[in-house]
């Protein structure tokens, strides 16, 4: 696999050199994070020791520019240190990105292949960077940059797990889930307005063709609107709302929503406070089994929204009781000494998940310190702690958790970029 990837890259490189490339750039992303998991993602029971490991990513990408054509290939190795022996033959290298982009005009392009896709604040779809493997899609994208500074994008995906030319159910089934849904195809339209009078808005319509257990297909659609107004250099307000309808993978009628409001204020230039609230709808424990009121942020990055311990919507908590998240986030610029992030989240379930348990789930504290050295090297240190309620213990199915539930990590990141031609 490694030899094949480097061979392909060499052929592309050689071919474009002979075609007189307009320019050629290279970027690298080396990321290492040591973690101490004493309650990350779910509560750790008493008697169990903290789990420690080191994860890393090595990503190397090249962009080729020639006339109206741009090509990008990016190979990636993401692994846990020591999960293969020093003499093992297995490899984890793969293509993180491999796409071609053709600009028909200055304002209209087509992009096809494995690519990162991000819109708005990332609640619904985003190229997440917290996980070492990242998040990219095999997609076709059309982009229109409108003359007034606005933009319009259309994205289509189609997913299969076998290249066999056989229409039997065995080869037609698609088993990979995003947001707890088996998505056979996604179609998306996104509009971003220009900023006028310190106000801008965006609108998105995403349809997911999901596959049920018997191989049939349903449509699960999400429509959303985002708003942002900057009242002054020190104060702005943002809001978004999504509504989800249709039928999901479990063949249930979907009727769900996600609404949020944030207000940011800077009392001094080096300190920004953000007060926010989000309501992600959920399904009551005794709801009609044919109905589902749980919103799914299908391709989003929950790590940005609902706490750094990833208790909600990070490969968990889908099709569940939903979430109310009241939070206060602080970003403090320490000038040459780095920067500090401090957040507190108050979590509760939107709907009752048990006839006896309380809705309040717990309070989480997140602290991150970061310091950049030079242009390319970033050092981060993070500490998070969850103060769990009895309701969270019941929701996560851990009756006797440790008294202290925390997550600690140290990260190193190197991101050099070069222009070769």
Protein backbone atom coordinates (compact mmCIF):
# COMPACT_ATOMS: atom_id res chain seq x y z
CA UNK A 1 0.00 0.00 0.00
CA UNK A 2 2.73 2.49 0.94
CA UNK A 3 4.67 1.76 -2.25
CA UNK A 4 1.52 2.16 -4.35
CA UNK A 5 0.66 5.54 -2.85
CA UNK A 6 4.16 6.91 -3.35
CA UNK A 7 4.21 5.50 -6.89
CA UNK A 8 0.95 7.25 -7.75
CA UNK A 9 2.21 10.50 -6.25
CA UNK A 10 5.46 10.21 -8.22
CA UNK A 11 3.59 9.59 -11.49
CA UNK A 12 1.33 12.58 -10.88
CA UNK A 13 4.30 14.75 -9.97
CA UNK A 14 6.31 13.68 -13.03
CA UNK A 15 3.37 14.09 -15.36
CA UNK A 16 2.62 17.59 -14.23
CA UNK A 17 6.26 18.62 -14.38
CA UNK A 18 6.31 17.63 -18.03
CA UNK A 19 3.09 19.61 -18.54
CA UNK A 20 4.71 22.73 -17.07
CA UNK A 21 2.84 23.16 -13.78
CA UNK A 22 1.75 26.67 -12.91
CA UNK A 23 2.62 25.95 -9.28
CA UNK A 24 3.17 23.09 -6.86
CA UNK A 25 2.75 23.24 -3.08
CA UNK A 26 3.30 20.77 -0.27
CA UNK A 27 1.89 20.73 3.25
CA UNK A 28 2.57 18.45 6.20
CA UNK A 29 0.61 17.76 9.35
CA UNK A 30 2.30 15.85 12.15
CA UNK A 31 0.17 15.54 15.26
CA UNK A 32 0.79 13.60 18.47
CA UNK A 33 -1.43 13.47 21.55
CA UNK A 34 -0.88 11.64 24.85
CA UNK A 35 -4.14 10.97 26.69
CA UNK A 36 -5.17 9.90 30.17
CA UNK A 37 -8.73 8.58 30.02
CA UNK A 38 -10.41 8.47 33.42
CA UNK A 39 -13.95 8.99 32.16
CA UNK A 40 -13.73 10.16 28.54
CA UNK A 41 -16.88 9.53 26.46
CA UNK A 42 -18.51 7.52 29.26
CA UNK A 43 -18.19 7.13 33.03
CA UNK A 44 -15.38 4.93 34.27
CA UNK A 45 -16.42 2.44 37.01
CA UNK A 46 -14.74 2.10 40.38
CA UNK A 47 -11.83 -0.31 40.41
CA UNK A 48 -10.81 0.48 36.84
CA UNK A 49 -7.51 2.27 36.26
CA UNK A 50 -7.03 5.28 34.03
CA UNK A 51 -6.40 4.23 30.43
CA UNK A 52 -3.36 5.90 28.88
CA UNK A 53 -2.18 5.90 25.29
CA UNK A 54 -0.43 8.02 22.68
CA UNK A 55 -2.03 8.69 19.30
CA UNK A 56 -0.41 10.23 16.26
CA UNK A 57 -1.08 11.40 12.75
CA UNK A 58 1.32 11.92 9.86
CA UNK A 59 -0.30 13.60 6.86
CA UNK A 60 1.50 14.78 3.72
CA UNK A 61 -0.33 16.57 0.94
CA UNK A 62 0.52 18.06 -2.44
CA UNK A 63 -1.45 20.49 -4.59
CA UNK A 64 -0.81 20.70 -8.33
CA UNK A 65 -2.05 23.79 -10.23
CA UNK A 66 -2.18 23.89 -14.01
CA UNK A 67 -4.31 26.39 -15.91
CA UNK A 68 -7.88 25.90 -14.59
CA UNK A 69 -7.15 22.53 -12.99
CA UNK A 70 -6.13 21.80 -9.41
CA UNK A 71 -5.30 18.33 -8.08
CA UNK A 72 -4.69 17.37 -4.47
CA UNK A 73 -3.44 14.12 -2.98
CA UNK A 74 -2.83 13.70 0.75
CA UNK A 75 -1.60 10.48 2.31
CA UNK A 76 -2.16 9.83 5.99
CA UNK A 77 -1.00 7.44 8.68
CA UNK A 78 -3.12 7.58 11.85
CA UNK A 79 -2.38 5.16 14.64
CA UNK A 80 -2.05 4.44 18.35
CA UNK A 81 1.57 4.08 19.34
CA UNK A 82 2.57 0.47 19.66
CA UNK A 83 -0.58 -1.11 18.19
CA UNK A 84 1.67 -2.92 15.68
CA UNK A 85 4.93 -4.63 16.50
CA UNK A 86 8.24 -3.22 15.33
CA UNK A 87 8.48 -5.91 12.65
CA UNK A 88 4.80 -6.07 11.65
CA UNK A 89 3.89 -6.04 7.96
CA UNK A 90 0.49 -4.37 8.44
CA UNK A 91 0.16 -0.72 7.42
CA UNK A 92 -2.32 2.05 8.24
CA UNK A 93 -1.40 4.45 5.43
CA UNK A 94 -4.28 5.60 3.24
CA UNK A 95 -5.43 8.54 1.17
CA UNK A 96 -6.98 11.22 3.36
CA UNK A 97 -7.75 13.38 0.34
CA UNK A 98 -7.63 12.69 -3.38
CA UNK A 99 -9.60 15.11 -5.52
CA UNK A 100 -9.61 17.09 -8.75
CA UNK A 101 -11.02 20.59 -9.10
CA UNK A 102 -11.76 22.33 -12.37
CA UNK A 103 -12.69 26.03 -12.50
CA UNK A 104 -14.90 26.68 -15.52
CA UNK A 105 -14.84 30.39 -14.68
CA UNK A 106 -13.47 32.49 -11.83
CA UNK A 107 -16.77 31.98 -10.00
CA UNK A 108 -17.77 28.41 -10.88
CA UNK A 109 -15.95 25.15 -10.16
CA UNK A 110 -16.46 21.38 -9.97
CA UNK A 111 -14.62 19.26 -7.41
CA UNK A 112 -14.70 15.44 -7.35
CA UNK A 113 -13.09 12.84 -5.10
CA UNK A 114 -12.23 12.29 -1.45
CA UNK A 115 -12.46 15.72 0.19
CA UNK A 116 -13.14 17.59 3.41
CA UNK A 117 -16.46 19.43 3.49
CA UNK A 118 -17.30 22.11 6.05
CA UNK A 119 -20.20 24.54 6.25
CA UNK A 120 -21.21 27.19 8.75
CA UNK A 121 -20.09 26.48 12.32
CA UNK A 122 -19.80 22.72 11.78
CA UNK A 123 -22.87 21.55 13.69
CA UNK A 124 -24.25 19.61 10.73
CA UNK A 125 -21.19 18.88 8.57
CA UNK A 126 -17.50 19.61 9.22
CA UNK A 127 -13.98 18.35 8.52
CA UNK A 128 -13.18 17.52 12.14
CA UNK A 129 -9.57 17.78 13.29
CA UNK A 130 -9.83 16.41 16.85
CA UNK A 131 -9.86 12.76 15.82
CA UNK A 132 -6.52 11.64 14.39
CA UNK A 133 -8.12 10.18 11.25
CA UNK A 134 -10.04 13.37 10.47
CA UNK A 135 -13.25 13.34 8.46
CA UNK A 136 -13.56 13.40 4.67
CA UNK A 137 -16.22 12.26 2.20
CA UNK A 138 -16.22 10.78 -1.31
CA UNK A 139 -18.23 13.48 -3.03
CA UNK A 140 -18.97 15.60 -6.06
CA UNK A 141 -19.17 19.32 -5.30
CA UNK A 142 -20.25 22.29 -7.40
CA UNK A 143 -19.35 25.76 -6.12
CA UNK A 144 -20.59 29.16 -7.23
CA UNK A 145 -19.01 32.36 -5.93
CA UNK A 146 -21.61 35.05 -6.56
CA UNK A 147 -20.62 38.56 -7.53
CA UNK A 148 -21.80 40.17 -4.29
CA UNK A 149 -19.56 38.00 -2.11
CA UNK A 150 -22.17 35.33 -1.45
CA UNK A 151 -21.69 31.66 -2.36
CA UNK A 152 -23.81 28.68 -3.37
CA UNK A 153 -22.63 25.07 -3.08
CA UNK A 154 -24.14 21.72 -4.05
CA UNK A 155 -22.72 18.38 -2.82
CA UNK A 156 -23.65 14.80 -3.75
CA UNK A 157 -22.34 11.49 -2.36
CA UNK A 158 -23.11 7.86 -3.21
CA UNK A 159 -21.89 5.08 -0.93
CA UNK A 160 -21.18 1.39 -1.56
CA UNK A 161 -19.09 -1.23 0.20
CA UNK A 162 -18.53 -3.55 -2.74
CA UNK A 163 -17.51 -3.02 -6.36
CA UNK A 164 -19.13 -6.29 -7.45
CA UNK A 165 -21.58 -5.81 -10.31
CA UNK A 166 -24.32 -7.70 -8.55
CA UNK A 167 -27.68 -6.22 -7.53
CA UNK A 168 -28.44 -8.86 -4.88
CA UNK A 169 -29.08 -7.55 -1.35
CA UNK A 170 -25.76 -8.95 -0.13
CA UNK A 171 -23.84 -6.48 -2.28
CA UNK A 172 -26.36 -3.65 -2.17
CA UNK A 173 -26.32 -3.31 1.62
CA UNK A 174 -24.38 -0.40 3.12
CA UNK A 175 -23.38 -0.98 6.73
CA UNK A 176 -21.31 2.13 7.62
CA UNK A 177 -23.20 4.57 9.88
CA UNK A 178 -22.80 8.32 10.25
CA UNK A 179 -24.82 9.87 13.05
CA UNK A 180 -26.25 6.38 13.67
CA UNK A 181 -27.77 6.36 10.17
CA UNK A 182 -26.74 4.08 7.27
CA UNK A 183 -26.50 6.71 4.57
CA UNK A 184 -26.55 5.41 1.01
CA UNK A 185 -26.47 8.87 -0.55
CA UNK A 186 -26.39 12.49 0.58
CA UNK A 187 -27.48 15.56 -1.39
CA UNK A 188 -26.83 19.02 -0.02
CA UNK A 189 -27.40 22.63 -1.07
CA UNK A 190 -25.85 25.46 0.95
CA UNK A 191 -26.13 29.23 0.54
CA UNK A 192 -23.91 31.74 2.35
CA UNK A 193 -24.86 35.40 2.12
CA UNK A 194 -22.40 38.25 1.91
CA UNK A 195 -21.91 40.37 5.02
CA UNK A 196 -24.02 43.51 4.83
CA UNK A 197 -24.40 46.01 7.66
CA UNK A 198 -22.48 43.56 9.90
CA UNK A 199 -25.16 40.91 9.31
CA UNK A 200 -24.92 37.63 7.41
CA UNK A 201 -26.95 34.47 7.15
CA UNK A 202 -26.76 31.00 5.65
CA UNK A 203 -29.27 28.34 4.64
CA UNK A 204 -28.77 24.61 4.16
CA UNK A 205 -30.88 21.74 2.86
CA UNK A 206 -29.46 18.23 3.30
CA UNK A 207 -31.22 15.06 2.21
CA UNK A 208 -29.87 11.68 3.31
CA UNK A 209 -31.06 8.53 1.59
CA UNK A 210 -30.78 5.99 4.41
CA UNK A 211 -30.92 2.23 4.14
CA UNK A 212 -33.12 0.08 6.39
CA UNK A 213 -32.41 -3.43 7.63
CA UNK A 214 -34.29 -5.01 4.72
CA UNK A 215 -32.31 -3.01 2.15
CA UNK A 216 -35.06 -0.54 1.28
CA UNK A 217 -34.43 3.21 1.33
CA UNK A 218 -35.88 6.20 3.17
CA UNK A 219 -35.26 9.92 2.89
CA UNK A 220 -34.25 11.82 6.03
CA UNK A 221 -34.05 15.55 5.34
CA UNK A 222 -32.59 18.40 7.38
CA UNK A 223 -33.30 22.08 6.69
CA UNK A 224 -31.49 24.83 8.55
CA UNK A 225 -30.82 28.53 8.89
CA UNK A 226 -27.87 30.34 10.51
CA UNK A 227 -27.72 34.02 11.51
CA UNK A 228 -24.96 36.27 12.81
CA UNK A 229 -24.99 39.97 13.61
CA UNK A 230 -22.03 41.94 14.90
CA UNK A 231 -23.41 44.87 16.87
CA UNK A 232 -19.95 46.26 17.67
CA UNK A 233 -16.30 45.11 17.56
CA UNK A 234 -16.85 43.76 21.10
CA UNK A 235 -20.30 42.18 20.86
CA UNK A 236 -22.00 39.79 18.45
CA UNK A 237 -24.93 37.37 18.47
CA UNK A 238 -25.25 34.11 16.52
CA UNK A 239 -28.15 31.69 16.17
CA UNK A 240 -28.99 28.62 14.17
CA UNK A 241 -31.95 26.29 13.82
CA UNK A 242 -32.30 22.90 12.08
CA UNK A 243 -35.41 20.82 11.46
CA UNK A 244 -35.17 17.13 10.58
CA UNK A 245 -38.00 15.14 9.00
CA UNK A 246 -38.72 12.05 6.89
CA UNK A 247 -37.83 8.49 7.94
CA UNK A 248 -34.60 7.13 9.44
CA UNK A 249 -32.68 3.85 9.14
CA UNK A 250 -34.94 2.23 11.75
CA UNK A 251 -37.95 3.11 9.54
CA UNK A 252 -39.27 5.55 12.16
CA UNK A 253 -41.00 8.85 11.36
CA UNK A 254 -38.49 11.60 12.08
CA UNK A 255 -39.61 14.86 13.69
CA UNK A 256 -36.59 16.52 15.32
CA UNK A 257 -34.88 19.87 15.73
CA UNK A 258 -31.75 21.61 17.00
CA UNK A 259 -31.75 25.28 18.00
CA UNK A 260 -28.98 27.36 19.55
CA UNK A 261 -28.17 30.94 20.53
CA UNK A 262 -24.77 32.38 21.48
CA UNK A 263 -23.70 35.85 22.57
CA UNK A 264 -20.04 36.88 22.55
CA UNK A 265 -18.61 39.87 24.39
CA UNK A 266 -15.06 41.13 24.84
CA UNK A 267 -14.71 43.26 27.99
CA UNK A 268 -11.07 43.81 27.01
CA UNK A 269 -9.23 43.05 23.78
CA UNK A 270 -7.53 39.93 25.15
CA UNK A 271 -10.66 38.31 26.65
CA UNK A 272 -13.70 36.99 24.81
CA UNK A 273 -16.67 35.53 26.71
CA UNK A 274 -19.34 33.48 24.94
CA UNK A 275 -22.61 32.63 26.63
CA UNK A 276 -24.55 29.94 24.79
CA UNK A 277 -27.46 27.57 24.92
CA UNK A 278 -28.39 24.66 22.68
CA UNK A 279 -31.46 22.44 22.62
CA UNK A 280 -31.10 19.16 20.70
CA UNK A 281 -34.46 17.41 20.64
CA UNK A 282 -34.82 13.87 21.96
CA UNK A 283 -37.27 10.98 22.18
CA UNK A 284 -39.23 10.18 25.34
CA UNK A 285 -38.60 6.73 26.82
CA UNK A 286 -42.25 5.70 26.28
CA UNK A 287 -42.70 7.23 22.82
CA UNK A 288 -44.50 5.33 20.08
CA UNK A 289 -41.78 3.05 18.58
CA UNK A 290 -42.79 4.21 15.11
CA UNK A 291 -41.78 7.80 15.97
CA UNK A 292 -38.34 9.33 16.49
CA UNK A 293 -37.88 12.88 17.80
CA UNK A 294 -34.09 12.72 18.28
CA UNK A 295 -32.08 15.13 16.16
CA UNK A 296 -28.95 13.71 14.51
CA UNK A 297 -26.05 16.12 13.68
CA UNK A 298 -25.05 13.65 10.99
CA UNK A 299 -21.55 14.70 9.91
CA UNK A 300 -20.96 17.39 12.52
CA UNK A 301 -18.19 17.89 15.05
CA UNK A 302 -19.72 17.61 18.53
CA UNK A 303 -16.31 18.14 20.16
CA UNK A 304 -16.66 21.84 19.40
CA UNK A 305 -20.12 22.13 20.92
CA UNK A 306 -20.94 19.77 23.79
CA UNK A 307 -17.79 19.56 25.88
CA UNK A 308 -14.32 18.16 25.25
CA UNK A 309 -15.10 14.89 27.06
CA UNK A 310 -17.38 13.89 24.14
CA UNK A 311 -20.23 12.42 26.16
CA UNK A 312 -22.83 13.43 23.57
CA UNK A 313 -23.02 12.91 19.79
CA UNK A 314 -19.46 11.63 19.42
CA UNK A 315 -20.29 8.09 18.25
CA UNK A 316 -22.85 7.96 21.09
CA UNK A 317 -26.17 9.39 22.32
CA UNK A 318 -27.88 9.27 18.92
CA UNK A 319 -31.61 8.42 18.81
CA UNK A 320 -31.71 9.02 22.54
CA UNK A 321 -33.18 11.58 24.95
CA UNK A 322 -31.63 14.65 23.33
CA UNK A 323 -29.70 17.36 25.15
CA UNK A 324 -29.95 20.80 26.67
CA UNK A 325 -26.51 22.42 26.96
CA UNK A 326 -26.09 25.76 28.75
CA UNK A 327 -22.50 26.92 28.56
CA UNK A 328 -20.07 29.74 29.19
CA UNK A 329 -16.82 29.76 27.21
CA UNK A 330 -13.83 32.05 27.72
CA UNK A 331 -10.92 32.64 25.33
CA UNK A 332 -8.03 34.58 26.87
CA UNK A 333 -5.03 35.78 24.87
CA UNK A 334 -1.95 35.69 27.09
CA UNK A 335 0.10 37.46 24.43
CA UNK A 336 3.57 35.91 24.14
CA UNK A 337 2.70 33.39 26.88
CA UNK A 338 0.08 31.64 24.74
CA UNK A 339 -3.69 31.43 25.09
CA UNK A 340 -6.17 29.94 27.54
CA UNK A 341 -9.61 28.41 26.98
CA UNK A 342 -11.98 27.79 29.89
CA UNK A 343 -15.53 26.49 29.53
CA UNK A 344 -18.30 25.20 31.78
CA UNK A 345 -21.27 23.15 30.46
CA UNK A 346 -24.53 22.41 32.27
CA UNK A 347 -26.11 19.31 30.69
CA UNK A 348 -29.60 17.93 30.95
CA UNK A 349 -31.69 15.58 28.83
CA UNK A 350 -34.34 17.18 26.64
CA UNK A 351 -36.78 14.29 27.19
CA UNK A 352 -37.10 11.79 30.03
CA UNK A 353 -35.17 8.59 29.34
CA UNK A 354 -36.53 6.80 32.39
CA UNK A 355 -39.72 7.07 34.46
CA UNK A 356 -37.67 7.61 37.64
CA UNK A 357 -34.41 9.35 36.71
CA UNK A 358 -33.89 13.12 36.69
CA UNK A 359 -33.18 15.03 33.49
CA UNK A 360 -30.11 16.79 34.88
CA UNK A 361 -27.02 14.90 33.65
CA UNK A 362 -24.02 16.76 34.98
CA UNK A 363 -21.64 19.69 34.73
CA UNK A 364 -18.40 19.62 32.76
CA UNK A 365 -15.36 21.88 33.07
CA UNK A 366 -12.88 22.20 30.18
CA UNK A 367 -9.48 23.87 30.36
CA UNK A 368 -7.03 24.12 27.45
CA UNK A 369 -3.72 25.96 27.33
CA UNK A 370 -1.99 26.52 23.98
CA UNK A 371 1.34 28.02 22.96
CA UNK A 372 2.67 28.49 19.45
CA UNK A 373 6.42 28.36 18.86
CA UNK A 374 7.57 29.91 15.61
CA UNK A 375 5.27 29.50 12.63
CA UNK A 376 4.61 25.78 12.60
CA UNK A 377 4.75 24.24 16.09
CA UNK A 378 1.83 24.24 18.55
CA UNK A 379 1.84 22.82 22.10
CA UNK A 380 -1.49 22.15 23.85
CA UNK A 381 -2.39 20.94 27.31
CA UNK A 382 -5.98 20.03 28.22
CA UNK A 383 -7.87 19.01 31.34
CA UNK A 384 -11.58 18.23 31.59
CA UNK A 385 -13.72 17.01 34.47
CA UNK A 386 -17.30 15.74 34.54
CA UNK A 387 -19.40 16.13 37.68
CA UNK A 388 -21.92 13.42 36.92
CA UNK A 389 -25.46 13.20 38.24
CA UNK A 390 -27.38 10.04 39.07
CA UNK A 391 -29.20 10.58 35.80
CA UNK A 392 -25.97 10.39 33.80
CA UNK A 393 -25.00 7.20 35.63
CA UNK A 394 -28.30 5.64 34.56
CA UNK A 395 -28.05 6.97 31.01
CA UNK A 396 -24.54 5.60 30.53
CA UNK A 397 -25.34 2.34 32.36
CA UNK A 398 -22.60 2.73 34.99
CA UNK A 399 -24.15 2.22 38.41
CA UNK A 400 -20.99 2.63 40.50
CA UNK A 401 -18.60 5.10 38.83
CA UNK A 402 -15.43 6.58 40.28
CA UNK A 403 -15.77 9.75 42.30
CA UNK A 404 -13.47 11.61 39.90
CA UNK A 405 -14.26 11.50 36.16
CA UNK A 406 -11.65 13.37 34.15
CA UNK A 407 -9.68 13.49 30.91
CA UNK A 408 -6.16 14.89 30.55
CA UNK A 409 -4.08 15.29 27.42
CA UNK A 410 -0.95 16.86 25.97
CA UNK A 411 -0.76 17.56 22.24
CA UNK A 412 2.02 18.47 19.81
CA UNK A 413 1.25 19.71 16.32
CA UNK A 414 3.55 20.60 13.41
CA UNK A 415 2.03 22.10 10.24
CA UNK A 416 4.68 23.31 7.79
CA UNK A 417 3.76 24.41 4.25
CA UNK A 418 6.01 24.88 1.24
CA UNK A 419 5.78 26.24 -2.26
CA UNK A 420 7.90 23.99 -4.46
CA UNK A 421 7.23 25.65 -7.81
